[in-house]
Protein backbone atom coordinates (compact mmCIF):
# COMPACT_ATOMS: atom_id res chain seq x y z
CA UNK A 1 -6.56 -16.43 169.89
CA UNK A 2 -8.76 -13.48 171.35
CA UNK A 3 -7.92 -11.56 168.09
CA UNK A 4 -8.50 -13.90 165.66
CA UNK A 5 -11.99 -15.53 166.65
CA UNK A 6 -13.66 -11.95 166.46
CA UNK A 7 -11.85 -11.93 162.89
CA UNK A 8 -13.94 -15.27 162.44
CA UNK A 9 -16.97 -14.08 163.69
CA UNK A 10 -16.84 -10.92 161.81
CA UNK A 11 -16.30 -12.78 158.51
CA UNK A 12 -18.95 -15.16 159.38
CA UNK A 13 -21.56 -12.74 159.76
CA UNK A 14 -20.30 -10.73 156.64
CA UNK A 15 -20.74 -14.11 154.32
CA UNK A 16 -24.14 -14.84 155.91
CA UNK A 17 -25.17 -11.32 155.42
CA UNK A 18 -24.02 -11.68 151.47
CA UNK A 19 -25.73 -14.70 151.44
CA UNK A 20 -29.07 -13.29 152.39
CA UNK A 21 -29.07 -10.23 150.37
CA UNK A 22 -28.73 -12.55 147.31
CA UNK A 23 -31.17 -15.07 148.34
CA UNK A 24 -33.77 -13.10 150.28
CA UNK A 25 -33.18 -9.83 148.66
CA UNK A 26 -35.15 -6.55 149.52
CA UNK A 27 -35.75 -3.65 147.52
CA UNK A 28 -32.45 -1.99 149.37
CA UNK A 29 -30.19 -5.12 148.98
CA UNK A 30 -30.96 -5.14 145.65
CA UNK A 31 -30.34 -1.36 145.05
CA UNK A 32 -26.75 -2.54 146.54
CA UNK A 33 -26.04 -5.29 144.09
CA UNK A 34 -27.02 -2.71 141.24
CA UNK A 35 -24.42 -0.31 143.03
CA UNK A 36 -22.01 -2.60 143.31
CA UNK A 37 -22.30 -3.54 139.56
CA UNK A 38 -22.12 0.52 138.62
CA UNK A 39 -18.94 0.50 140.80
CA UNK A 40 -17.26 -2.79 139.37
CA UNK A 41 -17.91 -1.84 135.91
CA UNK A 42 -16.54 2.08 136.24
CA UNK A 43 -13.50 0.04 137.95
CA UNK A 44 -12.54 -2.14 135.04
CA UNK A 45 -13.38 0.84 132.62
CA UNK A 46 -10.68 2.60 134.40
CA UNK A 47 -8.28 -0.27 134.70
CA UNK A 48 -8.55 -0.97 131.04
CA UNK A 49 -7.63 2.85 130.36
CA UNK A 50 -4.60 2.06 132.93
CA UNK A 51 -3.71 -1.12 130.48
CA UNK A 52 -3.61 1.56 127.42
CA UNK A 53 -1.40 4.24 129.19
CA UNK A 54 1.10 1.71 130.54
CA UNK A 55 1.56 0.17 127.20
CA UNK A 56 0.33 -3.22 128.24
CA UNK A 57 -2.62 -3.56 125.57
CA UNK A 58 -0.73 -6.82 124.27
CA UNK A 59 0.74 -7.85 127.89
CA UNK A 60 -0.70 -11.02 126.99
CA UNK A 61 -0.36 -11.37 123.52
CA UNK A 62 -3.27 -14.34 122.97
CA UNK A 63 -6.62 -14.81 123.77
CA UNK A 64 -8.12 -16.55 125.88
CA UNK A 65 -4.76 -17.53 126.66
CA UNK A 66 -2.41 -14.80 127.88
CA UNK A 67 0.59 -16.16 126.45
CA UNK A 68 0.77 -19.51 124.00
CA UNK A 69 0.12 -22.36 125.87
CA UNK A 70 -0.59 -20.89 129.18
CA UNK A 71 -3.90 -18.96 130.65
CA UNK A 72 -1.67 -17.16 133.00
CA UNK A 73 1.53 -15.27 132.19
CA UNK A 74 4.48 -17.27 131.20
CA UNK A 75 7.75 -15.61 130.95
CA UNK A 76 8.57 -14.63 127.31
CA UNK A 77 11.37 -12.46 125.56
CA UNK A 78 8.90 -10.20 123.56
CA UNK A 79 6.83 -9.07 126.46
CA UNK A 80 7.89 -7.42 130.14
CA UNK A 81 6.79 -9.05 133.04
CA UNK A 82 5.10 -5.91 134.57
CA UNK A 83 3.11 -5.50 131.56
CA UNK A 84 2.05 -8.98 131.22
CA UNK A 85 0.91 -8.58 134.93
CA UNK A 86 -0.68 -5.25 134.06
CA UNK A 87 -2.84 -6.83 131.59
CA UNK A 88 -3.59 -9.99 133.13
CA UNK A 89 -4.96 -8.01 136.10
CA UNK A 90 -7.59 -6.26 134.28
CA UNK A 91 -8.76 -10.03 132.78
CA UNK A 92 -9.07 -11.08 136.24
CA UNK A 93 -10.93 -7.81 136.96
CA UNK A 94 -13.66 -9.44 134.73
CA UNK A 95 -14.04 -12.15 136.71
CA UNK A 96 -15.36 -10.08 139.88
CA UNK A 97 -17.74 -7.86 137.18
CA UNK A 98 -18.92 -11.51 136.24
CA UNK A 99 -19.64 -12.54 139.91
CA UNK A 100 -21.30 -9.48 140.56
CA UNK A 101 -23.21 -9.40 137.56
CA UNK A 102 -24.57 -13.05 138.43
CA UNK A 103 -25.39 -11.80 142.29
CA UNK A 104 -27.78 -9.40 140.60
CA UNK A 105 -29.23 -11.88 138.82
CA UNK A 106 -30.03 -14.38 141.38
CA UNK A 107 -31.51 -11.50 143.96
CA UNK A 108 -33.25 -10.01 140.71
CA UNK A 109 -34.95 -13.69 140.34
CA UNK A 110 -35.73 -14.26 143.93
CA UNK A 111 -37.34 -10.39 144.13
CA UNK A 112 -39.20 -10.97 141.17
CA UNK A 113 -41.03 -14.70 142.34
CA UNK A 114 -43.33 -12.17 144.38
CA UNK A 115 -44.68 -12.90 148.05
CA UNK A 116 -45.90 -16.26 146.51
CA UNK A 117 -43.34 -17.48 144.51
CA UNK A 118 -45.27 -16.19 141.35
CA UNK A 119 -43.33 -14.22 138.72
CA UNK A 120 -46.49 -11.97 137.98
CA UNK A 121 -46.80 -11.24 141.76
CA UNK A 122 -43.00 -10.05 141.59
CA UNK A 123 -40.83 -7.40 139.68
CA UNK A 124 -39.91 -9.42 136.43
CA UNK A 125 -38.33 -6.11 135.24
CA UNK A 126 -35.55 -6.21 137.46
CA UNK A 127 -34.86 -9.70 136.40
CA UNK A 128 -34.39 -8.74 132.93
CA UNK A 129 -32.49 -5.60 133.54
CA UNK A 130 -30.19 -7.77 135.77
CA UNK A 131 -29.39 -9.86 132.88
CA UNK A 132 -28.03 -7.62 130.61
CA UNK A 133 -25.13 -7.87 133.18
CA UNK A 134 -23.88 -11.14 132.59
CA UNK A 135 -24.80 -10.39 128.91
CA UNK A 136 -22.16 -7.85 129.12
CA UNK A 137 -19.33 -9.43 130.22
CA UNK A 138 -19.77 -12.54 127.81
CA UNK A 139 -19.95 -9.91 124.76
CA UNK A 140 -17.10 -7.73 126.46
CA UNK A 141 -14.57 -11.09 127.01
CA UNK A 142 -15.34 -12.31 123.09
CA UNK A 143 -15.10 -8.46 121.97
CA UNK A 144 -11.73 -8.55 124.23
CA UNK A 145 -10.63 -11.09 122.16
CA UNK A 146 -11.08 -9.40 119.13
CA UNK A 147 -9.19 -6.71 120.44
CA UNK A 148 -5.96 -8.52 120.96
CA UNK A 149 -6.20 -10.33 117.40
CA UNK A 150 -6.67 -6.99 115.49
CA UNK A 151 -3.41 -5.61 117.58
CA UNK A 152 -5.00 -3.20 119.34
CA UNK A 153 -7.17 -1.51 116.40
CA UNK A 154 -8.54 1.96 117.54
CA UNK A 155 -11.99 1.04 116.06
CA UNK A 156 -12.02 -2.53 118.33
CA UNK A 157 -10.14 -0.54 121.32
CA UNK A 158 -13.34 2.48 120.77
CA UNK A 159 -16.04 -0.10 120.82
CA UNK A 160 -14.87 -1.84 123.91
CA UNK A 161 -14.76 1.19 125.90
CA UNK A 162 -18.55 1.98 124.45
CA UNK A 163 -19.78 -1.46 125.83
CA UNK A 164 -18.30 -0.71 129.25
CA UNK A 165 -20.19 2.57 128.87
CA UNK A 166 -23.27 0.55 128.01
CA UNK A 167 -22.89 -1.74 131.00
CA UNK A 168 -22.60 1.03 133.51
CA UNK A 169 -25.46 2.61 131.65
CA UNK A 170 -27.81 -0.90 132.58
CA UNK A 171 -26.41 -0.87 136.17
CA UNK A 172 -27.84 2.82 136.60
CA UNK A 173 -31.03 1.77 135.30
CA UNK A 174 -31.63 -1.21 137.36
CA UNK A 175 -30.29 0.52 140.49
CA UNK A 176 -33.31 3.23 139.90
CA UNK A 177 -35.67 0.97 138.91
CA UNK A 178 -34.86 -0.97 142.15
CA UNK A 179 -35.59 2.34 144.07
CA UNK A 180 -39.11 2.69 143.17
CA UNK A 181 -42.18 1.08 142.29
CA UNK A 182 -43.80 -0.40 139.19
CA UNK A 183 -46.72 2.25 138.60
CA UNK A 184 -46.47 4.29 135.03
CA UNK A 185 -44.20 7.07 135.36
CA UNK A 186 -45.41 10.34 136.26
CA UNK A 187 -43.25 13.74 135.58
CA UNK A 188 -42.50 16.14 138.40
CA UNK A 189 -40.92 18.46 136.26
CA UNK A 190 -42.44 19.96 133.00
CA UNK A 191 -42.58 17.90 130.00
CA UNK A 192 -40.25 20.28 128.34
CA UNK A 193 -37.48 20.19 131.06
CA UNK A 194 -37.69 16.47 131.05
CA UNK A 195 -36.97 16.62 127.35
CA UNK A 196 -34.23 18.75 127.63
CA UNK A 197 -32.91 16.00 130.06
CA UNK A 198 -33.29 13.27 127.39
CA UNK A 199 -31.11 16.12 125.01
CA UNK A 200 -28.16 16.59 127.62
CA UNK A 201 -28.01 12.56 128.12
CA UNK A 202 -27.39 12.24 124.22
CA UNK A 203 -25.19 15.12 124.37
CA UNK A 204 -23.25 13.35 127.22
CA UNK A 205 -22.92 10.26 125.17
CA UNK A 206 -21.97 12.23 121.86
CA UNK A 207 -19.29 13.59 124.41
CA UNK A 208 -17.83 10.23 125.41
CA UNK A 209 -18.08 9.55 121.48
CA UNK A 210 -15.63 12.37 120.78
CA UNK A 211 -13.43 11.33 123.32
CA UNK A 212 -12.74 7.73 122.19
CA UNK A 213 -12.01 9.27 118.94
CA UNK A 214 -9.19 11.67 120.60
CA UNK A 215 -7.98 8.54 122.56
CA UNK A 216 -7.86 6.93 119.27
CA UNK A 217 -5.89 9.53 117.65
CA UNK A 218 -3.45 10.48 120.79
CA UNK A 219 -0.19 8.98 121.79
CA UNK A 220 -1.25 6.19 124.30
CA UNK A 221 -2.03 3.38 121.68
CA UNK A 222 -1.81 0.65 124.36
CA UNK A 223 1.27 -1.10 122.51
CA UNK A 224 3.98 0.07 119.78
CA UNK A 225 2.08 -2.01 117.40
CA UNK A 226 -1.18 -0.54 117.44
CA UNK A 227 -2.22 1.37 114.76
CA UNK A 228 -4.17 5.13 114.99
CA UNK A 229 -6.89 6.82 113.74
CA UNK A 230 -5.80 8.96 110.87
CA UNK A 231 -7.29 12.42 112.32
CA UNK A 232 -5.24 15.59 112.90
CA UNK A 233 -5.34 15.19 116.54
CA UNK A 234 -5.66 19.42 117.35
CA UNK A 235 -8.71 19.03 115.31
CA UNK A 236 -10.75 16.26 117.35
CA UNK A 237 -9.30 17.90 120.36
CA UNK A 238 -11.22 20.86 119.51
CA UNK A 239 -14.37 18.76 118.50
CA UNK A 240 -14.34 17.19 121.73
CA UNK A 241 -14.08 20.61 123.47
CA UNK A 242 -16.80 21.73 121.53
CA UNK A 243 -19.13 19.24 122.35
CA UNK A 244 -18.06 19.36 126.28
CA UNK A 245 -19.17 23.22 126.00
CA UNK A 246 -22.34 22.15 124.68
CA UNK A 247 -23.13 19.56 127.42
CA UNK A 248 -22.15 21.97 130.06
CA UNK A 249 -24.14 24.91 128.45
CA UNK A 250 -27.21 22.12 128.13
CA UNK A 251 -26.32 21.33 131.91
CA UNK A 252 -26.66 24.65 133.30
CA UNK A 253 -29.96 25.47 131.40
CA UNK A 254 -31.21 22.44 132.65
CA UNK A 255 -30.23 23.51 136.21
CA UNK A 256 -31.91 27.07 135.73
CA UNK A 257 -34.92 25.82 134.58
CA UNK A 258 -35.21 22.90 137.25
CA UNK A 259 -34.62 26.18 139.87
CA UNK A 260 -36.84 29.17 138.30
CA UNK A 261 -39.80 25.76 138.12
CA UNK A 262 -39.41 25.32 141.72
CA UNK A 263 -38.96 21.26 140.40
CA UNK A 264 -38.14 18.76 143.74
CA UNK A 265 -34.96 19.30 145.27
CA UNK A 266 -33.41 16.37 144.70
CA UNK A 267 -33.27 16.88 140.98
CA UNK A 268 -31.98 20.15 141.53
CA UNK A 269 -28.91 18.46 143.63
CA UNK A 270 -28.44 15.88 141.10
CA UNK A 271 -28.02 18.72 138.28
CA UNK A 272 -25.85 20.66 140.36
CA UNK A 273 -23.77 17.80 141.29
CA UNK A 274 -23.48 16.91 137.44
CA UNK A 275 -22.26 20.70 136.61
CA UNK A 276 -19.52 20.14 139.48
CA UNK A 277 -18.54 17.09 137.91
CA UNK A 278 -18.25 18.47 134.33
CA UNK A 279 -16.42 21.55 135.44
CA UNK A 280 -13.95 19.14 137.48
CA UNK A 281 -13.38 17.06 134.08
CA UNK A 282 -12.69 19.95 132.27
CA UNK A 283 -10.15 21.30 134.27
CA UNK A 284 -8.64 17.61 134.29
CA UNK A 285 -9.04 17.86 130.40
CA UNK A 286 -7.11 21.17 129.88
CA UNK A 287 -4.02 20.43 132.28
CA UNK A 288 -3.74 17.03 130.86
CA UNK A 289 -3.60 18.66 127.01
CA UNK A 290 -1.03 21.47 128.50
CA UNK A 291 0.89 18.79 130.00
CA UNK A 292 1.32 16.52 126.93
CA UNK A 293 -1.39 13.81 128.26
CA UNK A 294 0.55 12.35 131.67
CA UNK A 295 -0.48 8.83 131.68
CA UNK A 296 -2.05 9.41 135.67
CA UNK A 297 -3.98 12.20 134.14
CA UNK A 298 -5.52 10.15 131.40
CA UNK A 299 -6.72 7.80 133.84
CA UNK A 300 -8.39 10.67 136.11
CA UNK A 301 -10.15 11.86 132.89
CA UNK A 302 -11.48 8.37 132.15
CA UNK A 303 -13.07 8.27 135.66
CA UNK A 304 -14.53 11.60 135.17
CA UNK A 305 -15.98 10.55 131.92
CA UNK A 306 -17.74 7.62 133.29
CA UNK A 307 -18.68 9.97 136.05
CA UNK A 308 -20.35 12.42 133.93
CA UNK A 309 -22.34 9.41 132.00
CA UNK A 310 -23.63 8.47 135.45
CA UNK A 311 -24.71 11.76 136.89
CA UNK A 312 -26.54 12.56 133.15
CA UNK A 313 -28.40 9.31 133.30
CA UNK A 314 -29.27 10.12 137.54
CA UNK A 315 -30.51 13.64 136.69
CA UNK A 316 -33.32 11.96 134.19
CA UNK A 317 -34.43 9.26 136.45
CA UNK A 318 -34.92 11.61 139.40
CA UNK A 319 -37.47 14.21 137.02
CA UNK A 320 -40.18 11.35 137.29
CA UNK A 321 -41.60 8.85 139.82
CA UNK A 322 -43.20 5.34 139.38
CA UNK A 323 -44.18 5.50 143.19
CA UNK A 324 -41.92 3.88 146.58
CA UNK A 325 -40.63 0.51 146.11
CA UNK A 326 -42.70 -2.47 147.06
CA UNK A 327 -42.17 -3.59 150.76
CA UNK A 328 -41.71 -7.32 151.13
CA UNK A 329 -44.60 -8.61 153.60
CA UNK A 330 -43.82 -9.20 157.30
CA UNK A 331 -43.47 -13.01 156.72
CA UNK A 332 -40.35 -12.78 154.38
CA UNK A 333 -36.82 -12.82 156.11
CA UNK A 334 -35.98 -9.35 157.81
CA UNK A 335 -32.74 -8.26 155.61
CA UNK A 336 -32.39 -4.48 156.55
CA UNK A 337 -29.19 -5.07 157.83
CA UNK A 338 -27.55 -7.17 155.08
CA UNK A 339 -25.35 -5.22 152.98
CA UNK A 340 -23.31 -5.62 150.30
């Protein structure tokens, strides 16, 4: 009994803190919900890759049902139970992404009402950014049905991945805007360095595009019945590698420029982290290529791709400022202890 009561008290306190972080949000709790959105979007991207490398892409052969006549996996002779469980698990994760998205919207709406309950006193920009999350979940769900009905056509699968990348970017922007004020943006670095940061983000996105072409051409199709791009695998791998070299080169140039111009330390550290992630990703890419693309390394490579994307976006936001995030008046509920 003595063990059960502390556990119950902890659960009650955690749920109360969770409730307060949504209903009585602060800039800090809003930032945490945005971070949660980043995490769940990365998670569903990686688990989506797990569906593909395990050959479970058609584990649930129908949509929106998993199997004909059932929304949950039902035994059928044409699909292995493990493949069905993996695909169904990925579909269930969509509900977690939706729950976090809903929490972001409610918290942003409450924060956007301002101190006197009027939107003009608050931060409506956060609500607009937060609404991209549930909208993205809906689009992803509908597109997922197209992926199934197209028998994992590589074009539909590639766009499915890019939608996840877009939702992750929207969550990164929400996190950045929740961490700062609403004053006009002011550069913290030379304008040419800022432009170099934008070019780097564009190059990172191009790298992702090249990556999905390699994926759609390579061996992990998600199911034996799935089609593949008709490109030469050696050629698309070389293209992907060349773009990766460009991204690393731009990152090194940005890091050098930030250093010699004595730019803010947080921007330099962010660029250094990005370079480290890119080099690690390159090692994983070369190893998986020479080991004939083992499934485990594919998952690690997909995770690395999302981290490169997030870190590239983060560098750009740290090269400018909009002032500190507004603080609620003393009369508002104190929630700095509330967590996500």
